[in-house]
Amino acid sequence: MKIIVGLGNIGEKYLKTRHNCGFLALDQFEMDMEKENIELKWKKDKKMKAYITKFDYKGETVLLVKPTTLMNLSGEAVSKILNFYKEKPENLIVIYDDIDLPLGTIRCKDSGSAGTHNGMKSIIQEIGSKDFKRIRIGIESRGELTPAQQDLHSFVLSDFTENEFSMIFEALKDASTKLKETLA
C-alpha cells in the first residue's frame, strides 16, 4: 500500500492559504483520478485524526490522507495511520508547501530533513524516520509578488494572490502528475 499525505490546515479560513498546498495537491489529484473514472469518497476518521480515502490504482492500493490536526501536529495522524496499516515509512509520500523554494517550483526527494517546515518536523519526530518520499511545492514569493518584510508565520497562513494562484495551479497539476508517476 502507498500512503499519500497532503499537509494543510482544516477549515474554511485556511482553504486557499500557502500552507494548504498539500491539501490542494490532493484535491487536484482527486480531479485527475475522476478523469480516469476513479471516484474517491473521503471520510473523517477521528481515531486516525484525518480525512482518508482508499482506492486501487494500477494494481496498487492507495490511501490518501488529510490530517485534521493542526499543521504542527501532522505527525500524530501520520504515525497513527502507519501503525494501523502496519506500513513502513518507505511506503509514505508527503506533499507539502516549502518556503525555501520559489513559487510554483516542484521538488521530489526520497528522504531528507524537515527544513523549516514544522509539519514535517512533527512527522519525522513521530515516525522516527526521515526516509520517506516527499513532494515539495514552492510558495516563496516575498519581495516579488508579496511584501518582502512579511514574517514567515503570517506569510504561510496568508491566501495566495490572484497572480500567485494561477502560478500555483500549474504547480498543483505538476504535483498530481508526480504523484501518479510514483504509483506507476
Protein backbone atom coordinates (compact mmCIF):
# COMPACT_ATOMS: atom_id res chain seq x y z
CA MET A 1 0.00 0.00 0.00
CA LYS A 2 1.09 3.57 -0.73
CA ILE A 3 0.08 6.22 1.77
CA ILE A 4 -0.03 9.76 0.39
CA VAL A 5 -0.37 12.53 2.95
CA GLY A 6 -1.16 16.08 1.95
CA LEU A 7 -0.33 18.64 4.62
CA GLY A 8 -2.59 21.56 5.42
CA ASN A 9 -4.93 23.04 7.98
CA ILE A 10 -8.60 22.10 8.24
CA GLY A 11 -11.13 24.89 7.98
CA GLU A 12 -12.62 27.35 5.52
CA LYS A 13 -10.28 30.18 6.55
CA TYR A 14 -7.23 28.13 5.51
CA LEU A 15 -8.64 26.85 2.23
CA LYS A 16 -6.51 28.94 -0.16
CA THR A 17 -3.53 29.63 2.06
CA ARG A 18 0.04 28.83 1.13
CA HIS A 19 0.27 26.32 3.97
CA ASN A 20 -2.55 24.28 2.40
CA CYS A 21 -0.65 23.27 -0.74
CA GLY A 22 -0.65 19.63 0.36
CA PHE A 23 -4.45 19.59 0.63
CA LEU A 24 -4.78 21.49 -2.65
CA ALA A 25 -2.49 18.99 -4.39
CA LEU A 26 -4.65 16.09 -3.17
CA ASP A 27 -7.74 17.93 -4.44
CA GLN A 28 -6.08 18.22 -7.86
CA PHE A 29 -5.06 14.55 -7.71
CA GLU A 30 -8.69 13.67 -6.92
CA MET A 31 -9.86 15.59 -10.00
CA ASP A 32 -7.27 13.75 -12.10
CA MET A 33 -8.48 10.40 -10.74
CA GLU A 34 -12.07 11.31 -11.64
CA LYS A 35 -10.89 11.79 -15.25
CA GLU A 36 -9.77 8.15 -15.07
CA ASN A 37 -13.20 7.13 -13.69
CA ILE A 38 -11.90 6.61 -10.17
CA GLU A 39 -14.24 8.21 -7.65
CA LEU A 40 -12.82 8.98 -4.25
CA LYS A 41 -15.00 9.05 -1.14
CA TRP A 42 -13.43 10.89 1.77
CA LYS A 43 -14.42 10.07 5.32
CA LYS A 44 -13.40 11.64 8.58
CA ASP A 45 -11.70 9.10 10.83
CA LYS A 46 -11.50 10.59 14.33
CA LYS A 47 -9.30 7.74 15.58
CA MET A 48 -6.74 8.40 12.83
CA LYS A 49 -7.10 12.19 13.19
CA ALA A 50 -7.55 12.53 9.44
CA TYR A 51 -9.80 12.53 6.43
CA ILE A 52 -8.97 9.43 4.43
CA THR A 53 -9.96 7.73 1.20
CA LYS A 54 -8.72 4.39 -0.12
CA PHE A 55 -8.75 3.13 -3.70
CA ASP A 56 -6.89 0.92 -6.18
CA TYR A 57 -4.74 2.44 -8.90
CA LYS A 58 -2.87 0.32 -11.45
CA GLY A 59 -2.81 -2.67 -9.11
CA GLU A 60 -1.68 -0.67 -6.07
CA THR A 61 -3.79 0.14 -3.03
CA VAL A 62 -3.54 3.85 -2.29
CA LEU A 63 -4.59 5.68 0.87
CA LEU A 64 -4.92 9.46 0.63
CA VAL A 65 -4.73 11.34 3.91
CA LYS A 66 -5.51 14.90 5.03
CA PRO A 67 -4.65 15.21 8.74
CA THR A 68 -7.25 17.01 10.87
CA THR A 69 -4.63 18.03 13.41
CA LEU A 70 -3.10 21.43 13.18
CA MET A 71 -0.19 21.54 10.73
CA ASN A 72 2.41 21.44 13.51
CA LEU A 73 0.92 18.16 14.83
CA SER A 74 0.66 16.34 11.48
CA GLY A 75 2.95 13.60 12.73
CA GLU A 76 0.27 12.38 15.14
CA ALA A 77 -2.04 11.43 12.27
CA VAL A 78 0.75 10.02 10.09
CA SER A 79 2.06 7.86 12.94
CA LYS A 80 -1.40 6.50 13.74
CA ILE A 81 -2.02 5.62 10.09
CA LEU A 82 1.35 3.91 9.55
CA ASN A 83 0.85 1.90 12.75
CA PHE A 84 -2.76 0.94 11.97
CA TYR A 85 -1.96 -0.23 8.44
CA LYS A 86 1.39 -1.73 9.53
CA GLU A 87 3.21 0.17 6.80
CA LYS A 88 6.81 1.32 6.79
CA PRO A 89 7.90 4.91 6.11
CA GLU A 90 9.24 3.75 2.72
CA ASN A 91 5.58 3.47 1.59
CA LEU A 92 4.80 7.03 2.64
CA ILE A 93 4.68 10.07 0.35
CA VAL A 94 4.15 13.50 1.91
CA ILE A 95 3.22 16.51 -0.20
CA TYR A 96 3.54 19.96 1.30
CA ASP A 97 4.39 23.64 0.86
CA ASP A 98 8.02 24.75 1.00
CA ILE A 99 9.03 28.32 1.82
CA ASP A 100 12.60 27.54 0.73
CA LEU A 101 11.56 27.06 -2.92
CA PRO A 102 10.42 29.76 -5.36
CA LEU A 103 6.68 29.97 -6.01
CA GLY A 104 5.46 27.14 -8.25
CA THR A 105 8.64 25.06 -8.09
CA ILE A 106 8.24 21.30 -7.52
CA ARG A 107 10.96 19.17 -5.91
CA CYS A 108 10.83 15.45 -5.19
CA LYS A 109 13.12 13.67 -2.74
CA ASP A 110 13.31 10.17 -1.28
CA SER A 111 14.42 11.36 2.18
CA GLY A 112 15.88 14.33 3.98
CA SER A 113 15.42 16.80 6.78
CA ALA A 114 12.31 18.81 7.60
CA GLY A 115 13.98 22.10 6.79
CA THR A 116 11.94 24.93 8.29
CA HIS A 117 8.60 23.09 7.99
CA ASN A 118 7.03 22.32 11.38
CA GLY A 119 4.57 19.80 9.94
CA MET A 120 7.47 17.80 8.55
CA LYS A 121 9.37 18.12 11.83
CA SER A 122 6.34 16.61 13.57
CA ILE A 123 6.15 13.70 11.11
CA ILE A 124 9.86 12.88 11.37
CA GLN A 125 9.71 13.03 15.16
CA GLU A 126 6.54 10.91 15.45
CA ILE A 127 7.52 8.15 12.99
CA GLY A 128 11.22 8.19 13.87
CA SER A 129 12.42 8.29 10.28
CA LYS A 130 13.46 10.75 7.56
CA ASP A 131 13.35 8.01 4.93
CA PHE A 132 10.11 8.64 3.07
CA LYS A 133 9.28 10.31 -0.21
CA ARG A 134 8.20 13.90 -0.32
CA ILE A 135 6.91 16.28 -2.94
CA ARG A 136 7.59 19.90 -2.07
CA ILE A 137 5.67 22.79 -3.64
CA GLY A 138 7.48 26.14 -3.59
CA ILE A 139 5.49 29.03 -2.13
CA GLU A 140 8.16 31.71 -1.66
CA SER A 141 7.27 34.99 -3.35
CA ARG A 142 8.17 37.59 -0.73
CA GLY A 143 9.74 40.59 -2.37
CA GLU A 144 8.42 39.57 -5.80
CA LEU A 145 4.64 39.22 -5.60
CA THR A 146 4.13 39.99 -1.91
CA PRO A 147 5.84 42.31 0.59
CA ALA A 148 9.47 41.39 1.27
CA GLN A 149 9.26 42.07 5.01
CA GLN A 150 6.31 39.78 5.80
CA ASP A 151 7.12 37.37 8.65
CA LEU A 152 7.12 33.62 7.97
CA HIS A 153 4.10 32.72 10.12
CA SER A 154 1.71 35.28 8.64
CA PHE A 155 3.07 34.62 5.15
CA VAL A 156 2.38 30.87 5.11
CA LEU A 157 -1.10 31.45 6.55
CA SER A 158 -1.99 34.15 4.02
CA ASP A 159 -4.03 33.47 0.89
CA PHE A 160 -2.38 33.34 -2.48
CA THR A 161 -2.89 36.47 -4.56
CA GLU A 162 -4.73 36.05 -7.86
CA ASN A 163 -1.44 36.12 -9.81
CA GLU A 164 0.15 33.62 -7.43
CA PHE A 165 -2.83 31.28 -7.58
CA SER A 166 -2.57 30.97 -11.36
CA MET A 167 1.10 30.02 -10.91
CA ILE A 168 0.40 27.62 -8.06
CA PHE A 169 -2.42 25.98 -10.03
CA GLU A 170 0.14 24.84 -12.63
CA ALA A 171 2.38 23.54 -9.83
CA LEU A 172 -0.55 21.58 -8.34
CA LYS A 173 -1.14 19.91 -11.71
CA ASP A 174 2.57 19.03 -11.87
CA ALA A 175 2.46 17.67 -8.31
CA SER A 176 -0.53 15.49 -9.21
CA THR A 177 1.39 14.13 -12.20
CA LYS A 178 4.36 13.37 -9.93
CA LEU A 179 2.03 11.50 -7.55
CA LYS A 180 0.71 9.38 -10.42
CA GLU A 181 4.28 8.67 -11.55
CA THR A 182 5.21 7.40 -8.08
CA LEU A 183 2.29 4.97 -8.29
CA ALA A 184 3.04 3.70 -11.81
